[in-house]
Structures are given as structure tokens and as C-alpha cells.
């Protein structure tokens, strides 16, 4: 059917069918990704993060980004962890980098992206976003000294 001749009802039906088809393909990966992220999230103590990504470590920001990648959370869900990390002595830029890595570069998110992007493009995405997060983390650590 030509798009110009479709009614709104036809378009809504097509959109619904497309969503259902996409969900059928993606839901197992989403469940596996959430399960992995939830398992890791429950076993990463804040003392461990603060010890390796504390204020005295020059490589704290990249370490925080690497630690945040396997976790899965939304921005609101990571707020309690942010408060705990700040109380443990982690610098603001490092905490910010950790939060951005958790929300933007999570393993479950990459598993979902694998269904629509080629691995090379996902690698480019991860590289660019990770570099940007590290730069923002260092910038905030410079602007807001502990």
C-alpha cells in the first residue's frame, strides 16, 4: 500500500505490528542483560569503588567508567549509589563519570544495541562516548576540587 493512501488506522496498525515484532526479537536479550546487570549491581560494594576510584588516584575517572559499564540502572536508580560514593570520598567528576557510564554504556544497553547495530559501529559508539565521559569527569574534577 502506498503511504499517501494509508489511513491513520492503517498506520497505527502497522506501527503496532512493527513494535510487537521488534519486542519479540529483543525481549530475551533485555532479560539477560537486566539479569547480568542486577547481579553485578548487587555485588559491587561502595568501599571497593571508593578504594580504586578515590580522589588520590590519577586514573580514578577511567576506572570509574570501566566499573560502571557492566552495571545497569537508570539515572534515578543510581542516585543512592552516588550519595554513598561521595560520602566515601570519591571526587565529583569521578562520580559523574561513573553515573554517565552506568546509564550510557551499560552492558544490557549494548546487548540491545547489538540487535540494530553492527559490532564495529557499537565499538565506535562505546569509544566515543567513553572518551567524552572521561573528559567530562576530569573537567569536573578540575573545576570542583575536593
N, C-alpha and C. Protein backbone atom coordinates (compact mmCIF):
# COMPACT_ATOMS: atom_id res chain seq x y z
N UNK A 1 0.85 -1.18 0.00
CA UNK A 1 0.00 0.00 0.00
C UNK A 1 0.89 1.24 0.00
N UNK A 2 0.55 2.22 -0.76
CA UNK A 2 1.31 3.47 -0.83
C UNK A 2 1.04 4.27 0.45
N UNK A 3 2.08 4.88 0.98
CA UNK A 3 1.97 5.59 2.25
C UNK A 3 0.94 6.71 2.19
N UNK A 4 0.88 7.41 1.09
CA UNK A 4 -0.05 8.54 0.98
C UNK A 4 -1.51 8.07 1.05
N UNK A 5 -1.77 6.81 0.70
CA UNK A 5 -3.12 6.29 0.70
C UNK A 5 -3.51 5.63 2.00
N UNK A 6 -2.58 5.50 2.94
CA UNK A 6 -2.88 4.84 4.20
C UNK A 6 -3.70 5.75 5.11
N UNK A 7 -4.65 5.15 5.79
CA UNK A 7 -5.42 5.90 6.79
C UNK A 7 -4.65 5.89 8.09
N UNK A 8 -5.10 6.70 9.03
CA UNK A 8 -4.45 6.72 10.35
C UNK A 8 -4.56 5.35 11.02
N UNK A 9 -5.68 4.71 10.84
CA UNK A 9 -5.87 3.38 11.43
C UNK A 9 -4.88 2.38 10.83
N UNK A 10 -4.66 2.45 9.50
CA UNK A 10 -3.67 1.58 8.86
C UNK A 10 -2.27 1.84 9.41
N UNK A 11 -1.94 3.09 9.56
CA UNK A 11 -0.61 3.45 10.08
C UNK A 11 -0.43 2.99 11.52
N UNK A 12 -1.45 3.16 12.35
CA UNK A 12 -1.37 2.71 13.74
C UNK A 12 -1.25 1.19 13.81
N UNK A 13 -1.99 0.48 12.96
CA UNK A 13 -1.90 -0.98 12.92
C UNK A 13 -0.49 -1.42 12.52
N UNK A 14 0.06 -0.78 11.49
CA UNK A 14 1.43 -1.10 11.05
C UNK A 14 2.44 -0.82 12.17
N UNK A 15 2.30 0.32 12.84
CA UNK A 15 3.21 0.67 13.93
C UNK A 15 3.13 -0.35 15.07
N UNK A 16 1.93 -0.75 15.42
CA UNK A 16 1.75 -1.73 16.49
C UNK A 16 2.38 -3.07 16.12
N UNK A 17 2.16 -3.51 14.90
CA UNK A 17 2.75 -4.77 14.44
C UNK A 17 4.27 -4.71 14.43
N UNK A 18 4.80 -3.58 14.03
CA UNK A 18 6.26 -3.41 14.00
C UNK A 18 6.84 -3.45 15.41
N UNK A 19 6.19 -2.81 16.36
CA UNK A 19 6.63 -2.82 17.76
C UNK A 19 6.59 -4.24 18.31
N UNK A 20 5.50 -4.95 18.06
CA UNK A 20 5.37 -6.33 18.55
C UNK A 20 6.47 -7.21 17.96
N UNK A 21 6.72 -7.07 16.68
CA UNK A 21 7.77 -7.86 16.03
C UNK A 21 9.15 -7.55 16.62
N UNK A 22 9.43 -6.28 16.84
CA UNK A 22 10.71 -5.89 17.43
C UNK A 22 10.85 -6.41 18.85
N UNK A 23 9.79 -6.31 19.63
CA UNK A 23 9.84 -6.80 21.02
C UNK A 23 10.05 -8.32 21.06
N UNK A 24 9.45 -9.04 20.13
CA UNK A 24 9.65 -10.50 20.09
C UNK A 24 11.13 -10.84 19.86
N UNK A 25 11.81 -10.03 19.06
CA UNK A 25 13.22 -10.28 18.77
C UNK A 25 14.13 -9.86 19.93
N UNK A 26 13.76 -8.79 20.64
CA UNK A 26 14.67 -8.16 21.60
C UNK A 26 14.48 -8.65 23.03
N UNK A 27 13.28 -9.07 23.44
CA UNK A 27 13.00 -9.30 24.86
C UNK A 27 13.93 -10.30 25.52
N UNK A 28 14.36 -11.37 24.86
CA UNK A 28 15.28 -12.29 25.58
C UNK A 28 16.60 -11.60 25.93
N UNK A 29 17.09 -10.75 25.02
CA UNK A 29 18.35 -10.05 25.28
C UNK A 29 18.19 -9.03 26.41
N UNK A 30 17.05 -8.39 26.44
CA UNK A 30 16.78 -7.43 27.52
C UNK A 30 16.77 -8.15 28.86
N UNK A 31 16.09 -9.27 28.95
CA UNK A 31 16.04 -10.02 30.21
C UNK A 31 17.41 -10.50 30.65
N UNK A 32 18.19 -11.02 29.72
CA UNK A 32 19.54 -11.48 30.06
C UNK A 32 20.40 -10.30 30.52
N UNK A 33 20.33 -9.20 29.80
CA UNK A 33 21.11 -8.02 30.16
C UNK A 33 20.73 -7.47 31.52
N UNK A 34 19.45 -7.38 31.79
CA UNK A 34 18.99 -6.88 33.09
C UNK A 34 19.42 -7.84 34.19
N UNK A 35 19.34 -9.13 33.94
CA UNK A 35 19.77 -10.11 34.94
C UNK A 35 21.25 -9.99 35.26
N UNK A 36 22.08 -9.86 34.23
CA UNK A 36 23.53 -9.70 34.44
C UNK A 36 23.79 -8.41 35.21
N UNK A 37 23.18 -7.32 34.77
CA UNK A 37 23.39 -6.04 35.44
C UNK A 37 22.92 -6.06 36.89
N UNK A 38 21.77 -6.68 37.14
CA UNK A 38 21.25 -6.75 38.51
C UNK A 38 22.17 -7.58 39.40
N UNK A 39 22.69 -8.67 38.85
CA UNK A 39 23.61 -9.49 39.63
C UNK A 39 24.87 -8.75 40.00
N UNK A 40 25.44 -8.03 39.05
CA UNK A 40 26.65 -7.26 39.32
C UNK A 40 26.34 -6.11 40.26
N UNK A 41 25.22 -5.43 40.01
CA UNK A 41 24.83 -4.28 40.83
C UNK A 41 24.70 -4.67 42.30
N UNK A 42 24.20 -5.84 42.56
CA UNK A 42 24.02 -6.28 43.94
C UNK A 42 25.30 -6.70 44.63
N UNK A 43 26.37 -6.92 43.88
CA UNK A 43 27.61 -7.42 44.46
C UNK A 43 28.78 -6.46 44.40
N UNK A 44 28.58 -5.23 43.98
CA UNK A 44 29.67 -4.26 43.92
C UNK A 44 29.57 -3.33 45.12
N UNK A 45 30.44 -3.51 46.11
CA UNK A 45 30.37 -2.65 47.30
C UNK A 45 30.95 -1.26 47.03
N UNK A 46 30.39 -0.26 47.70
CA UNK A 46 30.87 1.10 47.50
C UNK A 46 32.30 1.27 48.01
N UNK A 47 32.71 0.50 49.02
CA UNK A 47 34.09 0.59 49.51
C UNK A 47 35.09 0.22 48.41
N UNK A 48 34.75 -0.79 47.63
CA UNK A 48 35.61 -1.23 46.53
C UNK A 48 35.76 -0.11 45.51
N UNK A 49 34.63 0.51 45.12
CA UNK A 49 34.68 1.60 44.15
C UNK A 49 35.49 2.77 44.68
N UNK A 50 35.25 3.16 45.93
CA UNK A 50 35.95 4.30 46.51
C UNK A 50 37.45 4.01 46.65
N UNK A 51 37.82 2.78 46.91
CA UNK A 51 39.23 2.43 47.08
C UNK A 51 40.00 2.57 45.76
N UNK A 52 39.41 2.12 44.67
CA UNK A 52 40.11 2.15 43.39
C UNK A 52 39.85 3.41 42.57
N UNK A 53 38.82 4.14 42.89
CA UNK A 53 38.49 5.35 42.14
C UNK A 53 38.41 6.55 43.07
N UNK A 54 39.23 6.56 44.11
CA UNK A 54 39.23 7.65 45.07
C UNK A 54 39.93 8.90 44.56
N UNK A 55 39.94 9.94 45.37
CA UNK A 55 40.48 11.24 44.98
C UNK A 55 41.97 11.22 44.70
N UNK A 56 42.71 10.34 45.34
CA UNK A 56 44.16 10.33 45.20
C UNK A 56 44.65 9.59 43.95
N UNK A 57 43.79 8.91 43.26
CA UNK A 57 44.18 8.12 42.10
C UNK A 57 44.02 8.93 40.83
N UNK A 58 45.11 9.12 40.09
CA UNK A 58 45.08 9.87 38.84
C UNK A 58 44.19 9.19 37.80
N UNK A 59 44.08 7.88 37.86
CA UNK A 59 43.29 7.12 36.90
C UNK A 59 41.89 6.81 37.43
N UNK A 60 41.43 7.56 38.41
CA UNK A 60 40.13 7.31 39.03
C UNK A 60 38.98 7.42 38.03
N UNK A 61 39.03 8.41 37.16
CA UNK A 61 37.92 8.61 36.22
C UNK A 61 37.80 7.45 35.24
N UNK A 62 38.88 7.04 34.56
CA UNK A 62 38.72 5.89 33.66
C UNK A 62 38.34 4.61 34.40
N UNK A 63 38.86 4.45 35.61
CA UNK A 63 38.49 3.26 36.40
C UNK A 63 37.00 3.29 36.73
N UNK A 64 36.49 4.46 37.11
CA UNK A 64 35.07 4.58 37.42
C UNK A 64 34.22 4.27 36.19
N UNK A 65 34.68 4.72 35.02
CA UNK A 65 33.94 4.44 33.78
C UNK A 65 33.94 2.93 33.52
N UNK A 66 35.09 2.29 33.65
CA UNK A 66 35.16 0.84 33.43
C UNK A 66 34.31 0.07 34.43
N UNK A 67 34.25 0.55 35.67
CA UNK A 67 33.43 -0.12 36.68
C UNK A 67 31.94 0.09 36.42
N UNK A 68 31.59 1.20 35.81
CA UNK A 68 30.18 1.49 35.56
C UNK A 68 29.59 0.76 34.38
N UNK A 69 30.42 0.35 33.43
CA UNK A 69 29.92 -0.27 32.20
C UNK A 69 29.10 -1.53 32.46
N UNK A 70 29.55 -2.48 33.28
CA UNK A 70 28.73 -3.69 33.42
C UNK A 70 27.46 -3.52 34.25
N UNK A 71 27.34 -2.40 34.94
CA UNK A 71 26.15 -2.18 35.76
C UNK A 71 24.99 -1.72 34.91
N UNK A 72 23.79 -1.89 35.43
CA UNK A 72 22.60 -1.44 34.71
C UNK A 72 21.71 -0.69 35.68
N UNK A 73 21.41 0.54 35.35
CA UNK A 73 20.49 1.34 36.15
C UNK A 73 20.08 2.54 35.33
N UNK A 74 19.00 3.15 35.73
CA UNK A 74 18.65 4.43 35.14
C UNK A 74 19.24 5.53 36.02
N UNK A 75 19.14 6.76 35.59
CA UNK A 75 19.75 7.86 36.34
C UNK A 75 19.18 7.98 37.75
N UNK A 76 17.87 7.78 37.89
CA UNK A 76 17.26 7.88 39.23
C UNK A 76 17.68 6.72 40.12
N UNK A 77 17.86 5.56 39.55
CA UNK A 77 18.21 4.40 40.34
C UNK A 77 19.63 4.41 40.86
N UNK A 78 20.50 5.18 40.24
CA UNK A 78 21.90 5.22 40.66
C UNK A 78 22.16 6.33 41.70
N UNK A 79 21.17 7.17 41.97
CA UNK A 79 21.35 8.29 42.91
C UNK A 79 21.76 7.83 44.31
N UNK A 80 21.16 6.80 44.88
CA UNK A 80 21.63 6.36 46.21
C UNK A 80 23.10 5.92 46.20
N UNK A 81 23.52 5.30 45.11
CA UNK A 81 24.91 4.90 44.99
C UNK A 81 25.83 6.12 44.89
N UNK A 82 25.37 7.14 44.20
CA UNK A 82 26.14 8.39 44.08
C UNK A 82 26.38 9.00 45.45
N UNK A 83 25.33 9.07 46.26
CA UNK A 83 25.47 9.63 47.61
C UNK A 83 26.47 8.83 48.43
N UNK A 84 26.40 7.52 48.32
CA UNK A 84 27.32 6.67 49.08
C UNK A 84 28.75 6.86 48.61
N UNK A 85 28.97 6.98 47.31
CA UNK A 85 30.31 7.16 46.78
C UNK A 85 30.90 8.51 47.19
N UNK A 86 30.08 9.54 47.19
CA UNK A 86 30.56 10.85 47.63
C UNK A 86 30.93 10.82 49.11
N UNK A 87 30.13 10.14 49.91
CA UNK A 87 30.44 10.02 51.34
C UNK A 87 31.73 9.24 51.56
N UNK A 88 32.04 8.29 50.67
CA UNK A 88 33.27 7.51 50.78
C UNK A 88 34.49 8.29 50.31
N UNK A 89 34.28 9.47 49.73
CA UNK A 89 35.40 10.31 49.34
C UNK A 89 35.72 10.37 47.87
N UNK A 90 34.83 9.90 47.03
CA UNK A 90 35.08 9.96 45.60
C UNK A 90 34.82 11.38 45.10
N UNK A 91 35.68 11.88 44.21
CA UNK A 91 35.55 13.23 43.66
C UNK A 91 34.30 13.33 42.79
N UNK A 92 33.77 14.55 42.69
CA UNK A 92 32.52 14.79 41.96
C UNK A 92 32.62 14.39 40.49
N UNK A 93 33.70 14.72 39.82
CA UNK A 93 33.85 14.36 38.42
C UNK A 93 33.92 12.86 38.21
N UNK A 94 34.56 12.17 39.15
CA UNK A 94 34.65 10.72 39.08
C UNK A 94 33.27 10.09 39.28
N UNK A 95 32.52 10.61 40.23
CA UNK A 95 31.16 10.12 40.47
C UNK A 95 30.30 10.37 39.23
N UNK A 96 30.42 11.56 38.66
CA UNK A 96 29.65 11.90 37.47
C UNK A 96 30.01 10.96 36.31
N UNK A 97 31.30 10.68 36.14
CA UNK A 97 31.72 9.76 35.08
C UNK A 97 31.15 8.37 35.31
N UNK A 98 31.14 7.93 36.56
CA UNK A 98 30.58 6.63 36.89
C UNK A 98 29.09 6.57 36.54
N UNK A 99 28.35 7.60 36.93
CA UNK A 99 26.91 7.65 36.65
C UNK A 99 26.65 7.65 35.14
N UNK A 100 27.41 8.45 34.41
CA UNK A 100 27.21 8.50 32.96
C UNK A 100 27.53 7.16 32.31
N UNK A 101 28.57 6.49 32.80
CA UNK A 101 28.91 5.17 32.24
C UNK A 101 27.82 4.15 32.54
N UNK A 102 27.28 4.20 33.76
CA UNK A 102 26.21 3.26 34.12
C UNK A 102 24.99 3.45 33.23
N UNK A 103 24.64 4.70 32.97
CA UNK A 103 23.42 4.95 32.19
C UNK A 103 23.64 4.89 30.69
N UNK A 104 24.82 5.28 30.20
CA UNK A 104 25.02 5.36 28.75
C UNK A 104 25.73 4.15 28.15
N UNK A 105 26.55 3.48 28.92
CA UNK A 105 27.37 2.40 28.37
C UNK A 105 27.11 1.05 29.04
N UNK A 106 25.95 0.86 29.57
CA UNK A 106 25.68 -0.38 30.30
C UNK A 106 25.72 -1.59 29.37
N UNK A 107 26.12 -2.70 29.92
CA UNK A 107 26.18 -3.96 29.17
C UNK A 107 24.80 -4.34 28.61
N UNK A 108 23.73 -4.24 29.40
CA UNK A 108 22.41 -4.55 28.83
C UNK A 108 22.05 -3.63 27.65
N UNK A 109 22.44 -2.37 27.75
CA UNK A 109 22.17 -1.45 26.64
C UNK A 109 22.91 -1.86 25.38
N UNK A 110 24.15 -2.32 25.55
CA UNK A 110 24.93 -2.76 24.40
C UNK A 110 24.35 -4.04 23.79
N UNK A 111 23.81 -4.91 24.64
CA UNK A 111 23.18 -6.12 24.14
C UNK A 111 21.96 -5.77 23.30
N UNK A 112 21.21 -4.79 23.74
CA UNK A 112 20.04 -4.35 22.97
C UNK A 112 20.49 -3.71 21.66
N UNK A 113 21.52 -2.85 21.72
CA UNK A 113 22.01 -2.21 20.50
C UNK A 113 22.54 -3.21 19.49
N UNK A 114 23.00 -4.35 19.97
CA UNK A 114 23.54 -5.37 19.08
C UNK A 114 22.48 -5.85 18.08
N UNK A 115 21.23 -5.71 18.43
CA UNK A 115 20.16 -6.13 17.52
C UNK A 115 19.93 -5.17 16.37
N UNK A 116 20.42 -3.94 16.50
CA UNK A 116 20.17 -2.96 15.45
C UNK A 116 21.44 -2.37 14.86
N UNK A 117 22.58 -2.57 15.51
CA UNK A 117 23.84 -2.03 15.01
C UNK A 117 24.87 -3.14 14.83
N UNK A 118 25.78 -2.92 13.92
CA UNK A 118 26.87 -3.87 13.71
C UNK A 118 27.89 -3.70 14.84
N UNK A 119 28.60 -4.77 15.18
CA UNK A 119 29.58 -4.69 16.28
C UNK A 119 30.61 -3.57 16.13
N UNK A 120 31.06 -3.35 14.90
CA UNK A 120 32.05 -2.28 14.69
C UNK A 120 31.48 -0.91 15.05
N UNK A 121 30.23 -0.66 14.68
CA UNK A 121 29.59 0.61 14.99
C UNK A 121 29.35 0.74 16.50
N UNK A 122 29.01 -0.36 17.16
CA UNK A 122 28.86 -0.33 18.61
C UNK A 122 30.19 -0.01 19.26
N UNK A 123 31.28 -0.57 18.73
CA UNK A 123 32.62 -0.26 19.25
C UNK A 123 32.96 1.21 19.11
N UNK A 124 32.62 1.78 17.96
CA UNK A 124 32.86 3.22 17.75
C UNK A 124 32.04 4.03 18.73
N UNK A 125 30.78 3.66 18.89
CA UNK A 125 29.90 4.35 19.85
C UNK A 125 30.48 4.30 21.26
N UNK A 126 30.88 3.11 21.70
CA UNK A 126 31.44 2.95 23.04
C UNK A 126 32.70 3.78 23.19
N UNK A 127 33.57 3.75 22.19
CA UNK A 127 34.82 4.51 22.27
C UNK A 127 34.61 6.00 22.38
N UNK A 128 33.74 6.54 21.54
CA UNK A 128 33.50 7.98 21.54
C UNK A 128 32.82 8.41 22.84
N UNK A 129 31.79 7.67 23.25
CA UNK A 129 31.08 8.04 24.47
C UNK A 129 31.97 7.89 25.69
N UNK A 130 32.77 6.82 25.74
CA UNK A 130 33.67 6.63 26.89
C UNK A 130 34.70 7.75 26.97
N UNK A 131 35.27 8.14 25.83
CA UNK A 131 36.24 9.25 25.84
C UNK A 131 35.59 10.54 26.31
N UNK A 132 34.39 10.80 25.83
CA UNK A 132 33.69 12.01 26.24
C UNK A 132 33.39 11.99 27.74
N UNK A 133 32.98 10.84 28.26
CA UNK A 133 32.68 10.73 29.68
C UNK A 133 33.94 10.95 30.51
N UNK A 134 35.05 10.37 30.09
CA UNK A 134 36.31 10.55 30.81
C UNK A 134 36.72 12.02 30.80
N UNK A 135 36.59 12.69 29.67
CA UNK A 135 36.95 14.12 29.59
C UNK A 135 36.06 14.95 30.50
N UNK A 136 34.77 14.67 30.52
CA UNK A 136 33.86 15.41 31.40
C UNK A 136 34.20 15.15 32.86
N UNK A 137 34.53 13.91 33.20
CA UNK A 137 34.92 13.57 34.57
C UNK A 137 36.14 14.35 35.02
N UNK A 138 37.18 14.37 34.18
CA UNK A 138 38.39 15.13 34.52
C UNK A 138 38.10 16.62 34.60
N UNK A 139 37.26 17.12 33.70
CA UNK A 139 36.91 18.55 33.72
C UNK A 139 36.22 18.91 35.04
N UNK A 140 35.26 18.10 35.46
CA UNK A 140 34.57 18.37 36.72
C UNK A 140 35.51 18.23 37.92
N UNK A 141 36.41 17.27 37.87
CA UNK A 141 37.38 17.14 38.96
C UNK A 141 38.29 18.36 39.03
N UNK A 142 38.60 18.93 37.86
CA UNK A 142 39.43 20.14 37.83
C UNK A 142 38.66 21.36 38.32
N UNK A 143 37.39 21.48 37.89
CA UNK A 143 36.59 22.65 38.24
C UNK A 143 36.08 22.61 39.68
N UNK A 144 35.83 21.42 40.19
CA UNK A 144 35.30 21.26 41.56
C UNK A 144 36.32 20.44 42.35
N UNK A 145 37.40 21.06 42.78
CA UNK A 145 38.40 20.29 43.52
C UNK A 145 37.86 19.84 44.88
N UNK A 146 38.36 18.71 45.31
CA UNK A 146 37.88 18.15 46.59
C UNK A 146 38.44 18.88 47.77
